[in-house]
Amino acid sequence: HQAYDAPLSADVEAAALPFSDFVR
């Protein structure tokens, strides 16, 4: 579903990186 730019689509990894030591 990630290819379709649904209303709640956003870059989760980018949101997490500044506040995480490990992201996967």
PDBML (XML) file of the C-alpha atoms, coordinates in Angstrom:
<?xml version="1.0" encoding="UTF-8" ?>
<PDBx:datablock datablockName="MODEL"
   xmlns:PDBx="http://pdbml.pdb.org/schema/pdbx-v50.xsd"
   xmlns:xsi="http://www.w3.org/2001/XMLSchema-instance"
   xsi:schemaLocation="http://pdbml.pdb.org/schema/pdbx-v50.xsd pdbx-v50.xsd">
   <PDBx:atom_siteCategory>
      <PDBx:atom_site id="1">
         <PDBx:B_iso_or_equiv>0.00</PDBx:B_iso_or_equiv>
         <PDBx:Cartn_x>0.000</PDBx:Cartn_x>
         <PDBx:Cartn_y>0.000</PDBx:Cartn_y>
         <PDBx:Cartn_z>0.000</PDBx:Cartn_z>
         <PDBx:auth_asym_id>A</PDBx:auth_asym_id>
         <PDBx:auth_atom_id>CA</PDBx:auth_atom_id>
         <PDBx:auth_comp_id>HIS</PDBx:auth_comp_id>
         <PDBx:auth_seq_id>1</PDBx:auth_seq_id>
         <PDBx:group_PDB>ATOM</PDBx:group_PDB>
         <PDBx:label_alt_id xsi:nil="true" />
         <PDBx:label_asym_id>A</PDBx:label_asym_id>
         <PDBx:label_atom_id>CA</PDBx:label_atom_id>
         <PDBx:label_comp_id>HIS</PDBx:label_comp_id>
         <PDBx:label_entity_id>1</PDBx:label_entity_id>
         <PDBx:label_seq_id>1</PDBx:label_seq_id>
         <PDBx:occupancy>1.00</PDBx:occupancy>
         <PDBx:pdbx_PDB_model_num>1</PDBx:pdbx_PDB_model_num>
         <PDBx:type_symbol>C</PDBx:type_symbol>
      </PDBx:atom_site>
      <PDBx:atom_site id="2">
         <PDBx:B_iso_or_equiv>0.00</PDBx:B_iso_or_equiv>
         <PDBx:Cartn_x>2.977</PDBx:Cartn_x>
         <PDBx:Cartn_y>2.294</PDBx:Cartn_y>
         <PDBx:Cartn_z>0.402</PDBx:Cartn_z>
         <PDBx:auth_asym_id>A</PDBx:auth_asym_id>
         <PDBx:auth_atom_id>CA</PDBx:auth_atom_id>
         <PDBx:auth_comp_id>GLN</PDBx:auth_comp_id>
         <PDBx:auth_seq_id>2</PDBx:auth_seq_id>
         <PDBx:group_PDB>ATOM</PDBx:group_PDB>
         <PDBx:label_alt_id xsi:nil="true" />
         <PDBx:label_asym_id>A</PDBx:label_asym_id>
         <PDBx:label_atom_id>CA</PDBx:label_atom_id>
         <PDBx:label_comp_id>GLN</PDBx:label_comp_id>
         <PDBx:label_entity_id>1</PDBx:label_entity_id>
         <PDBx:label_seq_id>2</PDBx:label_seq_id>
         <PDBx:occupancy>1.00</PDBx:occupancy>
         <PDBx:pdbx_PDB_model_num>1</PDBx:pdbx_PDB_model_num>
         <PDBx:type_symbol>C</PDBx:type_symbol>
      </PDBx:atom_site>
      <PDBx:atom_site id="3">
         <PDBx:B_iso_or_equiv>0.00</PDBx:B_iso_or_equiv>
         <PDBx:Cartn_x>3.126</PDBx:Cartn_x>
         <PDBx:Cartn_y>3.232</PDBx:Cartn_y>
         <PDBx:Cartn_z>-3.299</PDBx:Cartn_z>
         <PDBx:auth_asym_id>A</PDBx:auth_asym_id>
         <PDBx:auth_atom_id>CA</PDBx:auth_atom_id>
         <PDBx:auth_comp_id>ALA</PDBx:auth_comp_id>
         <PDBx:auth_seq_id>3</PDBx:auth_seq_id>
         <PDBx:group_PDB>ATOM</PDBx:group_PDB>
         <PDBx:label_alt_id xsi:nil="true" />
         <PDBx:label_asym_id>A</PDBx:label_asym_id>
         <PDBx:label_atom_id>CA</PDBx:label_atom_id>
         <PDBx:label_comp_id>ALA</PDBx:label_comp_id>
         <PDBx:label_entity_id>1</PDBx:label_entity_id>
         <PDBx:label_seq_id>3</PDBx:label_seq_id>
         <PDBx:occupancy>1.00</PDBx:occupancy>
         <PDBx:pdbx_PDB_model_num>1</PDBx:pdbx_PDB_model_num>
         <PDBx:type_symbol>C</PDBx:type_symbol>
      </PDBx:atom_site>
      <PDBx:atom_site id="4">
         <PDBx:B_iso_or_equiv>0.00</PDBx:B_iso_or_equiv>
         <PDBx:Cartn_x>-0.240</PDBx:Cartn_x>
         <PDBx:Cartn_y>5.014</PDBx:Cartn_y>
         <PDBx:Cartn_z>-3.227</PDBx:Cartn_z>
         <PDBx:auth_asym_id>A</PDBx:auth_asym_id>
         <PDBx:auth_atom_id>CA</PDBx:auth_atom_id>
         <PDBx:auth_comp_id>TYR</PDBx:auth_comp_id>
         <PDBx:auth_seq_id>4</PDBx:auth_seq_id>
         <PDBx:group_PDB>ATOM</PDBx:group_PDB>
         <PDBx:label_alt_id xsi:nil="true" />
         <PDBx:label_asym_id>A</PDBx:label_asym_id>
         <PDBx:label_atom_id>CA</PDBx:label_atom_id>
         <PDBx:label_comp_id>TYR</PDBx:label_comp_id>
         <PDBx:label_entity_id>1</PDBx:label_entity_id>
         <PDBx:label_seq_id>4</PDBx:label_seq_id>
         <PDBx:occupancy>1.00</PDBx:occupancy>
         <PDBx:pdbx_PDB_model_num>1</PDBx:pdbx_PDB_model_num>
         <PDBx:type_symbol>C</PDBx:type_symbol>
      </PDBx:atom_site>
      <PDBx:atom_site id="5">
         <PDBx:B_iso_or_equiv>0.00</PDBx:B_iso_or_equiv>
         <PDBx:Cartn_x>0.387</PDBx:Cartn_x>
         <PDBx:Cartn_y>8.058</PDBx:Cartn_y>
         <PDBx:Cartn_z>-1.009</PDBx:Cartn_z>
         <PDBx:auth_asym_id>A</PDBx:auth_asym_id>
         <PDBx:auth_atom_id>CA</PDBx:auth_atom_id>
         <PDBx:auth_comp_id>ASP</PDBx:auth_comp_id>
         <PDBx:auth_seq_id>5</PDBx:auth_seq_id>
         <PDBx:group_PDB>ATOM</PDBx:group_PDB>
         <PDBx:label_alt_id xsi:nil="true" />
         <PDBx:label_asym_id>A</PDBx:label_asym_id>
         <PDBx:label_atom_id>CA</PDBx:label_atom_id>
         <PDBx:label_comp_id>ASP</PDBx:label_comp_id>
         <PDBx:label_entity_id>1</PDBx:label_entity_id>
         <PDBx:label_seq_id>5</PDBx:label_seq_id>
         <PDBx:occupancy>1.00</PDBx:occupancy>
         <PDBx:pdbx_PDB_model_num>1</PDBx:pdbx_PDB_model_num>
         <PDBx:type_symbol>C</PDBx:type_symbol>
      </PDBx:atom_site>
      <PDBx:atom_site id="6">
         <PDBx:B_iso_or_equiv>0.00</PDBx:B_iso_or_equiv>
         <PDBx:Cartn_x>-2.578</PDBx:Cartn_x>
         <PDBx:Cartn_y>7.387</PDBx:Cartn_y>
         <PDBx:Cartn_z>1.291</PDBx:Cartn_z>
         <PDBx:auth_asym_id>A</PDBx:auth_asym_id>
         <PDBx:auth_atom_id>CA</PDBx:auth_atom_id>
         <PDBx:auth_comp_id>ALA</PDBx:auth_comp_id>
         <PDBx:auth_seq_id>6</PDBx:auth_seq_id>
         <PDBx:group_PDB>ATOM</PDBx:group_PDB>
         <PDBx:label_alt_id xsi:nil="true" />
         <PDBx:label_asym_id>A</PDBx:label_asym_id>
         <PDBx:label_atom_id>CA</PDBx:label_atom_id>
         <PDBx:label_comp_id>ALA</PDBx:label_comp_id>
         <PDBx:label_entity_id>1</PDBx:label_entity_id>
         <PDBx:label_seq_id>6</PDBx:label_seq_id>
         <PDBx:occupancy>1.00</PDBx:occupancy>
         <PDBx:pdbx_PDB_model_num>1</PDBx:pdbx_PDB_model_num>
         <PDBx:type_symbol>C</PDBx:type_symbol>
      </PDBx:atom_site>
      <PDBx:atom_site id="7">
         <PDBx:B_iso_or_equiv>0.00</PDBx:B_iso_or_equiv>
         <PDBx:Cartn_x>-3.539</PDBx:Cartn_x>
         <PDBx:Cartn_y>10.242</PDBx:Cartn_y>
         <PDBx:Cartn_z>3.640</PDBx:Cartn_z>
         <PDBx:auth_asym_id>A</PDBx:auth_asym_id>
         <PDBx:auth_atom_id>CA</PDBx:auth_atom_id>
         <PDBx:auth_comp_id>PRO</PDBx:auth_comp_id>
         <PDBx:auth_seq_id>7</PDBx:auth_seq_id>
         <PDBx:group_PDB>ATOM</PDBx:group_PDB>
         <PDBx:label_alt_id xsi:nil="true" />
         <PDBx:label_asym_id>A</PDBx:label_asym_id>
         <PDBx:label_atom_id>CA</PDBx:label_atom_id>
         <PDBx:label_comp_id>PRO</PDBx:label_comp_id>
         <PDBx:label_entity_id>1</PDBx:label_entity_id>
         <PDBx:label_seq_id>7</PDBx:label_seq_id>
         <PDBx:occupancy>1.00</PDBx:occupancy>
         <PDBx:pdbx_PDB_model_num>1</PDBx:pdbx_PDB_model_num>
         <PDBx:type_symbol>C</PDBx:type_symbol>
      </PDBx:atom_site>
      <PDBx:atom_site id="8">
         <PDBx:B_iso_or_equiv>0.00</PDBx:B_iso_or_equiv>
         <PDBx:Cartn_x>-1.404</PDBx:Cartn_x>
         <PDBx:Cartn_y>8.988</PDBx:Cartn_y>
         <PDBx:Cartn_z>6.537</PDBx:Cartn_z>
         <PDBx:auth_asym_id>A</PDBx:auth_asym_id>
         <PDBx:auth_atom_id>CA</PDBx:auth_atom_id>
         <PDBx:auth_comp_id>LEU</PDBx:auth_comp_id>
         <PDBx:auth_seq_id>8</PDBx:auth_seq_id>
         <PDBx:group_PDB>ATOM</PDBx:group_PDB>
         <PDBx:label_alt_id xsi:nil="true" />
         <PDBx:label_asym_id>A</PDBx:label_asym_id>
         <PDBx:label_atom_id>CA</PDBx:label_atom_id>
         <PDBx:label_comp_id>LEU</PDBx:label_comp_id>
         <PDBx:label_entity_id>1</PDBx:label_entity_id>
         <PDBx:label_seq_id>8</PDBx:label_seq_id>
         <PDBx:occupancy>1.00</PDBx:occupancy>
         <PDBx:pdbx_PDB_model_num>1</PDBx:pdbx_PDB_model_num>
         <PDBx:type_symbol>C</PDBx:type_symbol>
      </PDBx:atom_site>
      <PDBx:atom_site id="9">
         <PDBx:B_iso_or_equiv>0.00</PDBx:B_iso_or_equiv>
         <PDBx:Cartn_x>1.598</PDBx:Cartn_x>
         <PDBx:Cartn_y>8.177</PDBx:Cartn_y>
         <PDBx:Cartn_z>4.355</PDBx:Cartn_z>
         <PDBx:auth_asym_id>A</PDBx:auth_asym_id>
         <PDBx:auth_atom_id>CA</PDBx:auth_atom_id>
         <PDBx:auth_comp_id>SER</PDBx:auth_comp_id>
         <PDBx:auth_seq_id>9</PDBx:auth_seq_id>
         <PDBx:group_PDB>ATOM</PDBx:group_PDB>
         <PDBx:label_alt_id xsi:nil="true" />
         <PDBx:label_asym_id>A</PDBx:label_asym_id>
         <PDBx:label_atom_id>CA</PDBx:label_atom_id>
         <PDBx:label_comp_id>SER</PDBx:label_comp_id>
         <PDBx:label_entity_id>1</PDBx:label_entity_id>
         <PDBx:label_seq_id>9</PDBx:label_seq_id>
         <PDBx:occupancy>1.00</PDBx:occupancy>
         <PDBx:pdbx_PDB_model_num>1</PDBx:pdbx_PDB_model_num>
         <PDBx:type_symbol>C</PDBx:type_symbol>
      </PDBx:atom_site>
      <PDBx:atom_site id="10">
         <PDBx:B_iso_or_equiv>0.00</PDBx:B_iso_or_equiv>
         <PDBx:Cartn_x>4.856</PDBx:Cartn_x>
         <PDBx:Cartn_y>9.770</PDBx:Cartn_y>
         <PDBx:Cartn_z>5.468</PDBx:Cartn_z>
         <PDBx:auth_asym_id>A</PDBx:auth_asym_id>
         <PDBx:auth_atom_id>CA</PDBx:auth_atom_id>
         <PDBx:auth_comp_id>ALA</PDBx:auth_comp_id>
         <PDBx:auth_seq_id>10</PDBx:auth_seq_id>
         <PDBx:group_PDB>ATOM</PDBx:group_PDB>
         <PDBx:label_alt_id xsi:nil="true" />
         <PDBx:label_asym_id>A</PDBx:label_asym_id>
         <PDBx:label_atom_id>CA</PDBx:label_atom_id>
         <PDBx:label_comp_id>ALA</PDBx:label_comp_id>
         <PDBx:label_entity_id>1</PDBx:label_entity_id>
         <PDBx:label_seq_id>10</PDBx:label_seq_id>
         <PDBx:occupancy>1.00</PDBx:occupancy>
         <PDBx:pdbx_PDB_model_num>1</PDBx:pdbx_PDB_model_num>
         <PDBx:type_symbol>C</PDBx:type_symbol>
      </PDBx:atom_site>
      <PDBx:atom_site id="11">
         <PDBx:B_iso_or_equiv>0.00</PDBx:B_iso_or_equiv>
         <PDBx:Cartn_x>8.475</PDBx:Cartn_x>
         <PDBx:Cartn_y>8.838</PDBx:Cartn_y>
         <PDBx:Cartn_z>6.024</PDBx:Cartn_z>
         <PDBx:auth_asym_id>A</PDBx:auth_asym_id>
         <PDBx:auth_atom_id>CA</PDBx:auth_atom_id>
         <PDBx:auth_comp_id>ASP</PDBx:auth_comp_id>
         <PDBx:auth_seq_id>11</PDBx:auth_seq_id>
         <PDBx:group_PDB>ATOM</PDBx:group_PDB>
         <PDBx:label_alt_id xsi:nil="true" />
         <PDBx:label_asym_id>A</PDBx:label_asym_id>
         <PDBx:label_atom_id>CA</PDBx:label_atom_id>
         <PDBx:label_comp_id>ASP</PDBx:label_comp_id>
         <PDBx:label_entity_id>1</PDBx:label_entity_id>
         <PDBx:label_seq_id>11</PDBx:label_seq_id>
         <PDBx:occupancy>1.00</PDBx:occupancy>
         <PDBx:pdbx_PDB_model_num>1</PDBx:pdbx_PDB_model_num>
         <PDBx:type_symbol>C</PDBx:type_symbol>
      </PDBx:atom_site>
      <PDBx:atom_site id="12">
         <PDBx:B_iso_or_equiv>0.00</PDBx:B_iso_or_equiv>
         <PDBx:Cartn_x>8.428</PDBx:Cartn_x>
         <PDBx:Cartn_y>6.991</PDBx:Cartn_y>
         <PDBx:Cartn_z>9.347</PDBx:Cartn_z>
         <PDBx:auth_asym_id>A</PDBx:auth_asym_id>
         <PDBx:auth_atom_id>CA</PDBx:auth_atom_id>
         <PDBx:auth_comp_id>VAL</PDBx:auth_comp_id>
         <PDBx:auth_seq_id>12</PDBx:auth_seq_id>
         <PDBx:group_PDB>ATOM</PDBx:group_PDB>
         <PDBx:label_alt_id xsi:nil="true" />
         <PDBx:label_asym_id>A</PDBx:label_asym_id>
         <PDBx:label_atom_id>CA</PDBx:label_atom_id>
         <PDBx:label_comp_id>VAL</PDBx:label_comp_id>
         <PDBx:label_entity_id>1</PDBx:label_entity_id>
         <PDBx:label_seq_id>12</PDBx:label_seq_id>
         <PDBx:occupancy>1.00</PDBx:occupancy>
         <PDBx:pdbx_PDB_model_num>1</PDBx:pdbx_PDB_model_num>
         <PDBx:type_symbol>C</PDBx:type_symbol>
      </PDBx:atom_site>
      <PDBx:atom_site id="13">
         <PDBx:B_iso_or_equiv>0.00</PDBx:B_iso_or_equiv>
         <PDBx:Cartn_x>12.172</PDBx:Cartn_x>
         <PDBx:Cartn_y>6.412</PDBx:Cartn_y>
         <PDBx:Cartn_z>9.271</PDBx:Cartn_z>
         <PDBx:auth_asym_id>A</PDBx:auth_asym_id>
         <PDBx:auth_atom_id>CA</PDBx:auth_atom_id>
         <PDBx:auth_comp_id>GLU</PDBx:auth_comp_id>
         <PDBx:auth_seq_id>13</PDBx:auth_seq_id>
         <PDBx:group_PDB>ATOM</PDBx:group_PDB>
         <PDBx:label_alt_id xsi:nil="true" />
         <PDBx:label_asym_id>A</PDBx:label_asym_id>
         <PDBx:label_atom_id>CA</PDBx:label_atom_id>
         <PDBx:label_comp_id>GLU</PDBx:label_comp_id>
         <PDBx:label_entity_id>1</PDBx:label_entity_id>
         <PDBx:label_seq_id>13</PDBx:label_seq_id>
         <PDBx:occupancy>1.00</PDBx:occupancy>
         <PDBx:pdbx_PDB_model_num>1</PDBx:pdbx_PDB_model_num>
         <PDBx:type_symbol>C</PDBx:type_symbol>
      </PDBx:atom_site>
      <PDBx:atom_site id="14">
         <PDBx:B_iso_or_equiv>0.00</PDBx:B_iso_or_equiv>
         <PDBx:Cartn_x>12.880</PDBx:Cartn_x>
         <PDBx:Cartn_y>10.128</PDBx:Cartn_y>
         <PDBx:Cartn_z>8.840</PDBx:Cartn_z>
         <PDBx:auth_asym_id>A</PDBx:auth_asym_id>
         <PDBx:auth_atom_id>CA</PDBx:auth_atom_id>
         <PDBx:auth_comp_id>ALA</PDBx:auth_comp_id>
         <PDBx:auth_seq_id>14</PDBx:auth_seq_id>
         <PDBx:group_PDB>ATOM</PDBx:group_PDB>
         <PDBx:label_alt_id xsi:nil="true" />
         <PDBx:label_asym_id>A</PDBx:label_asym_id>
         <PDBx:label_atom_id>CA</PDBx:label_atom_id>
         <PDBx:label_comp_id>ALA</PDBx:label_comp_id>
         <PDBx:label_entity_id>1</PDBx:label_entity_id>
         <PDBx:label_seq_id>14</PDBx:label_seq_id>
         <PDBx:occupancy>1.00</PDBx:occupancy>
         <PDBx:pdbx_PDB_model_num>1</PDBx:pdbx_PDB_model_num>
         <PDBx:type_symbol>C</PDBx:type_symbol>
      </PDBx:atom_site>
      <PDBx:atom_site id="15">
         <PDBx:B_iso_or_equiv>0.00</PDBx:B_iso_or_equiv>
         <PDBx:Cartn_x>10.562</PDBx:Cartn_x>
         <PDBx:Cartn_y>10.898</PDBx:Cartn_y>
         <PDBx:Cartn_z>11.763</PDBx:Cartn_z>
         <PDBx:auth_asym_id>A</PDBx:auth_asym_id>
         <PDBx:auth_atom_id>CA</PDBx:auth_atom_id>
         <PDBx:auth_comp_id>ALA</PDBx:auth_comp_id>
         <PDBx:auth_seq_id>15</PDBx:auth_seq_id>
         <PDBx:group_PDB>ATOM</PDBx:group_PDB>
         <PDBx:label_alt_id xsi:nil="true" />
         <PDBx:label_asym_id>A</PDBx:label_asym_id>
         <PDBx:label_atom_id>CA</PDBx:label_atom_id>
         <PDBx:label_comp_id>ALA</PDBx:label_comp_id>
         <PDBx:label_entity_id>1</PDBx:label_entity_id>
         <PDBx:label_seq_id>15</PDBx:label_seq_id>
         <PDBx:occupancy>1.00</PDBx:occupancy>
         <PDBx:pdbx_PDB_model_num>1</PDBx:pdbx_PDB_model_num>
         <PDBx:type_symbol>C</PDBx:type_symbol>
      </PDBx:atom_site>
      <PDBx:atom_site id="16">
         <PDBx:B_iso_or_equiv>0.00</PDBx:B_iso_or_equiv>
         <PDBx:Cartn_x>12.311</PDBx:Cartn_x>
         <PDBx:Cartn_y>8.332</PDBx:Cartn_y>
         <PDBx:Cartn_z>13.961</PDBx:Cartn_z>
         <PDBx:auth_asym_id>A</PDBx:auth_asym_id>
         <PDBx:auth_atom_id>CA</PDBx:auth_atom_id>
         <PDBx:auth_comp_id>ALA</PDBx:auth_comp_id>
         <PDBx:auth_seq_id>16</PDBx:auth_seq_id>
         <PDBx:group_PDB>ATOM</PDBx:group_PDB>
         <PDBx:label_alt_id xsi:nil="true" />
         <PDBx:label_asym_id>A</PDBx:label_asym_id>
         <PDBx:label_atom_id>CA</PDBx:label_atom_id>
         <PDBx:label_comp_id>ALA</PDBx:label_comp_id>
         <PDBx:label_entity_id>1</PDBx:label_entity_id>
         <PDBx:label_seq_id>16</PDBx:label_seq_id>
         <PDBx:occupancy>1.00</PDBx:occupancy>
         <PDBx:pdbx_PDB_model_num>1</PDBx:pdbx_PDB_model_num>
         <PDBx:type_symbol>C</PDBx:type_symbol>
      </PDBx:atom_site>
      <PDBx:atom_site id="17">
         <PDBx:B_iso_or_equiv>0.00</PDBx:B_iso_or_equiv>
         <PDBx:Cartn_x>15.975</PDBx:Cartn_x>
         <PDBx:Cartn_y>8.952</PDBx:Cartn_y>
         <PDBx:Cartn_z>13.168</PDBx:Cartn_z>
         <PDBx:auth_asym_id>A</PDBx:auth_asym_id>
         <PDBx:auth_atom_id>CA</PDBx:auth_atom_id>
         <PDBx:auth_comp_id>LEU</PDBx:auth_comp_id>
         <PDBx:auth_seq_id>17</PDBx:auth_seq_id>
         <PDBx:group_PDB>ATOM</PDBx:group_PDB>
         <PDBx:label_alt_id xsi:nil="true" />
         <PDBx:label_asym_id>A</PDBx:label_asym_id>
         <PDBx:label_atom_id>CA</PDBx:label_atom_id>
         <PDBx:label_comp_id>LEU</PDBx:label_comp_id>
         <PDBx:label_entity_id>1</PDBx:label_entity_id>
         <PDBx:label_seq_id>17</PDBx:label_seq_id>
         <PDBx:occupancy>1.00</PDBx:occupancy>
         <PDBx:pdbx_PDB_model_num>1</PDBx:pdbx_PDB_model_num>
         <PDBx:type_symbol>C</PDBx:type_symbol>
      </PDBx:atom_site>
      <PDBx:atom_site id="18">
         <PDBx:B_iso_or_equiv>0.00</PDBx:B_iso_or_equiv>
         <PDBx:Cartn_x>16.599</PDBx:Cartn_x>
         <PDBx:Cartn_y>12.141</PDBx:Cartn_y>
         <PDBx:Cartn_z>15.224</PDBx:Cartn_z>
         <PDBx:auth_asym_id>A</PDBx:auth_asym_id>
         <PDBx:auth_atom_id>CA</PDBx:auth_atom_id>
         <PDBx:auth_comp_id>PRO</PDBx:auth_comp_id>
         <PDBx:auth_seq_id>18</PDBx:auth_seq_id>
         <PDBx:group_PDB>ATOM</PDBx:group_PDB>
         <PDBx:label_alt_id xsi:nil="true" />
         <PDBx:label_asym_id>A</PDBx:label_asym_id>
         <PDBx:label_atom_id>CA</PDBx:label_atom_id>
         <PDBx:label_comp_id>PRO</PDBx:label_comp_id>
         <PDBx:label_entity_id>1</PDBx:label_entity_id>
         <PDBx:label_seq_id>18</PDBx:label_seq_id>
         <PDBx:occupancy>1.00</PDBx:occupancy>
         <PDBx:pdbx_PDB_model_num>1</PDBx:pdbx_PDB_model_num>
         <PDBx:type_symbol>C</PDBx:type_symbol>
      </PDBx:atom_site>
      <PDBx:atom_site id="19">
         <PDBx:B_iso_or_equiv>0.00</PDBx:B_iso_or_equiv>
         <PDBx:Cartn_x>15.185</PDBx:Cartn_x>
         <PDBx:Cartn_y>10.488</PDBx:Cartn_y>
         <PDBx:Cartn_z>18.354</PDBx:Cartn_z>
         <PDBx:auth_asym_id>A</PDBx:auth_asym_id>
         <PDBx:auth_atom_id>CA</PDBx:auth_atom_id>
         <PDBx:auth_comp_id>PHE</PDBx:auth_comp_id>
         <PDBx:auth_seq_id>19</PDBx:auth_seq_id>
         <PDBx:group_PDB>ATOM</PDBx:group_PDB>
         <PDBx:label_alt_id xsi:nil="true" />
         <PDBx:label_asym_id>A</PDBx:label_asym_id>
         <PDBx:label_atom_id>CA</PDBx:label_atom_id>
         <PDBx:label_comp_id>PHE</PDBx:label_comp_id>
         <PDBx:label_entity_id>1</PDBx:label_entity_id>
         <PDBx:label_seq_id>19</PDBx:label_seq_id>
         <PDBx:occupancy>1.00</PDBx:occupancy>
         <PDBx:pdbx_PDB_model_num>1</PDBx:pdbx_PDB_model_num>
         <PDBx:type_symbol>C</PDBx:type_symbol>
      </PDBx:atom_site>
      <PDBx:atom_site id="20">
         <PDBx:B_iso_or_equiv>0.00</PDBx:B_iso_or_equiv>
         <PDBx:Cartn_x>16.506</PDBx:Cartn_x>
         <PDBx:Cartn_y>6.939</PDBx:Cartn_y>
         <PDBx:Cartn_z>17.965</PDBx:Cartn_z>
         <PDBx:auth_asym_id>A</PDBx:auth_asym_id>
         <PDBx:auth_atom_id>CA</PDBx:auth_atom_id>
         <PDBx:auth_comp_id>SER</PDBx:auth_comp_id>
         <PDBx:auth_seq_id>20</PDBx:auth_seq_id>
         <PDBx:group_PDB>ATOM</PDBx:group_PDB>
         <PDBx:label_alt_id xsi:nil="true" />
         <PDBx:label_asym_id>A</PDBx:label_asym_id>
         <PDBx:label_atom_id>CA</PDBx:label_atom_id>
         <PDBx:label_comp_id>SER</PDBx:label_comp_id>
         <PDBx:label_entity_id>1</PDBx:label_entity_id>
         <PDBx:label_seq_id>20</PDBx:label_seq_id>
         <PDBx:occupancy>1.00</PDBx:occupancy>
         <PDBx:pdbx_PDB_model_num>1</PDBx:pdbx_PDB_model_num>
         <PDBx:type_symbol>C</PDBx:type_symbol>
      </PDBx:atom_site>
      <PDBx:atom_site id="21">
         <PDBx:B_iso_or_equiv>0.00</PDBx:B_iso_or_equiv>
         <PDBx:Cartn_x>19.864</PDBx:Cartn_x>
         <PDBx:Cartn_y>5.213</PDBx:Cartn_y>
         <PDBx:Cartn_z>18.220</PDBx:Cartn_z>
         <PDBx:auth_asym_id>A</PDBx:auth_asym_id>
         <PDBx:auth_atom_id>CA</PDBx:auth_atom_id>
         <PDBx:auth_comp_id>ASP</PDBx:auth_comp_id>
         <PDBx:auth_seq_id>21</PDBx:auth_seq_id>
         <PDBx:group_PDB>ATOM</PDBx:group_PDB>
         <PDBx:label_alt_id xsi:nil="true" />
         <PDBx:label_asym_id>A</PDBx:label_asym_id>
         <PDBx:label_atom_id>CA</PDBx:label_atom_id>
         <PDBx:label_comp_id>ASP</PDBx:label_comp_id>
         <PDBx:label_entity_id>1</PDBx:label_entity_id>
         <PDBx:label_seq_id>21</PDBx:label_seq_id>
         <PDBx:occupancy>1.00</PDBx:occupancy>
         <PDBx:pdbx_PDB_model_num>1</PDBx:pdbx_PDB_model_num>
         <PDBx:type_symbol>C</PDBx:type_symbol>
      </PDBx:atom_site>
      <PDBx:atom_site id="22">
         <PDBx:B_iso_or_equiv>0.00</PDBx:B_iso_or_equiv>
         <PDBx:Cartn_x>18.658</PDBx:Cartn_x>
         <PDBx:Cartn_y>2.236</PDBx:Cartn_y>
         <PDBx:Cartn_z>16.139</PDBx:Cartn_z>
         <PDBx:auth_asym_id>A</PDBx:auth_asym_id>
         <PDBx:auth_atom_id>CA</PDBx:auth_atom_id>
         <PDBx:auth_comp_id>PHE</PDBx:auth_comp_id>
         <PDBx:auth_seq_id>22</PDBx:auth_seq_id>
         <PDBx:group_PDB>ATOM</PDBx:group_PDB>
         <PDBx:label_alt_id xsi:nil="true" />
         <PDBx:label_asym_id>A</PDBx:label_asym_id>
         <PDBx:label_atom_id>CA</PDBx:label_atom_id>
         <PDBx:label_comp_id>PHE</PDBx:label_comp_id>
         <PDBx:label_entity_id>1</PDBx:label_entity_id>
         <PDBx:label_seq_id>22</PDBx:label_seq_id>
         <PDBx:occupancy>1.00</PDBx:occupancy>
         <PDBx:pdbx_PDB_model_num>1</PDBx:pdbx_PDB_model_num>
         <PDBx:type_symbol>C</PDBx:type_symbol>
      </PDBx:atom_site>
      <PDBx:atom_site id="23">
         <PDBx:B_iso_or_equiv>0.00</PDBx:B_iso_or_equiv>
         <PDBx:Cartn_x>16.044</PDBx:Cartn_x>
         <PDBx:Cartn_y>2.297</PDBx:Cartn_y>
         <PDBx:Cartn_z>13.343</PDBx:Cartn_z>
         <PDBx:auth_asym_id>A</PDBx:auth_asym_id>
         <PDBx:auth_atom_id>CA</PDBx:auth_atom_id>
         <PDBx:auth_comp_id>VAL</PDBx:auth_comp_id>
         <PDBx:auth_seq_id>23</PDBx:auth_seq_id>
         <PDBx:group_PDB>ATOM</PDBx:group_PDB>
         <PDBx:label_alt_id xsi:nil="true" />
         <PDBx:label_asym_id>A</PDBx:label_asym_id>
         <PDBx:label_atom_id>CA</PDBx:label_atom_id>
         <PDBx:label_comp_id>VAL</PDBx:label_comp_id>
         <PDBx:label_entity_id>1</PDBx:label_entity_id>
         <PDBx:label_seq_id>23</PDBx:label_seq_id>
         <PDBx:occupancy>1.00</PDBx:occupancy>
         <PDBx:pdbx_PDB_model_num>1</PDBx:pdbx_PDB_model_num>
         <PDBx:type_symbol>C</PDBx:type_symbol>
      </PDBx:atom_site>
      <PDBx:atom_site id="24">
         <PDBx:B_iso_or_equiv>0.00</PDBx:B_iso_or_equiv>
         <PDBx:Cartn_x>14.978</PDBx:Cartn_x>
         <PDBx:Cartn_y>-0.611</PDBx:Cartn_y>
         <PDBx:Cartn_z>11.157</PDBx:Cartn_z>
         <PDBx:auth_asym_id>A</PDBx:auth_asym_id>
         <PDBx:auth_atom_id>CA</PDBx:auth_atom_id>
         <PDBx:auth_comp_id>ARG</PDBx:auth_comp_id>
         <PDBx:auth_seq_id>24</PDBx:auth_seq_id>
         <PDBx:group_PDB>ATOM</PDBx:group_PDB>
         <PDBx:label_alt_id xsi:nil="true" />
         <PDBx:label_asym_id>A</PDBx:label_asym_id>
         <PDBx:label_atom_id>CA</PDBx:label_atom_id>
         <PDBx:label_comp_id>ARG</PDBx:label_comp_id>
         <PDBx:label_entity_id>1</PDBx:label_entity_id>
         <PDBx:label_seq_id>24</PDBx:label_seq_id>
         <PDBx:occupancy>1.00</PDBx:occupancy>
         <PDBx:pdbx_PDB_model_num>1</PDBx:pdbx_PDB_model_num>
         <PDBx:type_symbol>C</PDBx:type_symbol>
      </PDBx:atom_site>
   </PDBx:atom_siteCategory>
</PDBx:datablock>
